[in-house]
Amino acid sequence: MADKGTYCLFHNSGIEIYFLKVLIFQTYFINNGELNALFFMNSVNL
């Protein structure tokens, strides 16, 4: 997926945790199509 450089950048800045949360929420809201897209866009804006 991502190379070591990108992973280290994410790890050092804590972005990895952010994307992990996004993936978890995406998995949860995938059951509700419209909420899935809406929530994802709101997460990105945060």
C-alpha atoms as a PDB file:
ATOM      1  CA  MET A   1       0.000   0.000   0.000  1.00  0.00           C
ATOM      2  CA  ALA A   2       1.979   3.015   1.268  1.00  0.00           C
ATOM      3  CA  ASP A   3       5.764   3.071   1.289  1.00  0.00           C
ATOM      4  CA  LYS A   4       7.809   3.346   4.505  1.00  0.00           C
ATOM      5  CA  GLY A   5       8.338   7.081   4.056  1.00  0.00           C
ATOM      6  CA  THR A   6       4.619   7.727   3.824  1.00  0.00           C
ATOM      7  CA  TYR A   7       3.898   5.447   6.768  1.00  0.00           C
ATOM      8  CA  CYS A   8       6.498   7.189   8.937  1.00  0.00           C
ATOM      9  CA  LEU A   9       5.012  10.564   8.025  1.00  0.00           C
ATOM     10  CA  PHE A  10       1.548   9.351   8.984  1.00  0.00           C
ATOM     11  CA  HIS A  11       2.846   7.710  12.161  1.00  0.00           C
ATOM     12  CA  ASN A  12       4.780  10.759  13.330  1.00  0.00           C
ATOM     13  CA  SER A  13       1.882  13.136  12.694  1.00  0.00           C
ATOM     14  CA  GLY A  14      -0.815  10.836  14.082  1.00  0.00           C
ATOM     15  CA  ILE A  15      -2.633  10.821  10.734  1.00  0.00           C
ATOM     16  CA  GLU A  16      -2.561   7.017  10.771  1.00  0.00           C
ATOM     17  CA  ILE A  17      -4.948   7.035  13.733  1.00  0.00           C
ATOM     18  CA  TYR A  18      -7.219   9.509  11.915  1.00  0.00           C
ATOM     19  CA  PHE A  19      -7.413   7.334   8.812  1.00  0.00           C
ATOM     20  CA  LEU A  20      -7.906   4.236  10.944  1.00  0.00           C
ATOM     21  CA  LYS A  21     -10.925   5.900  12.570  1.00  0.00           C
ATOM     22  CA  VAL A  22     -12.221   6.926   9.138  1.00  0.00           C
ATOM     23  CA  LEU A  23     -11.943   3.329   7.921  1.00  0.00           C
ATOM     24  CA  ILE A  24     -13.778   2.073  11.006  1.00  0.00           C
ATOM     25  CA  PHE A  25     -16.581   4.605  10.549  1.00  0.00           C
ATOM     26  CA  GLN A  26     -16.698   3.824   6.819  1.00  0.00           C
ATOM     27  CA  THR A  27     -17.134   0.141   7.628  1.00  0.00           C
ATOM     28  CA  TYR A  28     -19.931   0.954  10.073  1.00  0.00           C
ATOM     29  CA  PHE A  29     -21.834   3.346   7.816  1.00  0.00           C
ATOM     30  CA  ILE A  30     -21.414   1.201   4.686  1.00  0.00           C
ATOM     31  CA  ASN A  31     -24.673  -0.424   5.807  1.00  0.00           C
ATOM     32  CA  ASN A  32     -26.391   2.942   5.307  1.00  0.00           C
ATOM     33  CA  GLY A  33     -25.299   4.131   1.847  1.00  0.00           C
ATOM     34  CA  GLU A  34     -26.359   7.773   2.082  1.00  0.00           C
ATOM     35  CA  LEU A  35     -24.998   8.188   5.614  1.00  0.00           C
ATOM     36  CA  ASN A  36     -21.762   6.547   4.524  1.00  0.00           C
ATOM     37  CA  ALA A  37     -20.961   9.201   1.912  1.00  0.00           C
ATOM     38  CA  LEU A  38     -22.195  12.095   4.052  1.00  0.00           C
ATOM     39  CA  PHE A  39     -20.240  11.056   7.141  1.00  0.00           C
ATOM     40  CA  PHE A  40     -17.069  10.450   5.138  1.00  0.00           C
ATOM     41  CA  MET A  41     -17.184  13.939   3.629  1.00  0.00           C
ATOM     42  CA  ASN A  42     -17.764  15.475   7.063  1.00  0.00           C
ATOM     43  CA  SER A  43     -14.803  13.513   8.453  1.00  0.00           C
ATOM     44  CA  VAL A  44     -12.512  14.827   5.723  1.00  0.00           C
ATOM     45  CA  ASN A  45     -13.511  18.399   6.501  1.00  0.00           C
ATOM     46  CA  LEU A  46     -12.548  17.903  10.146  1.00  0.00           C
END
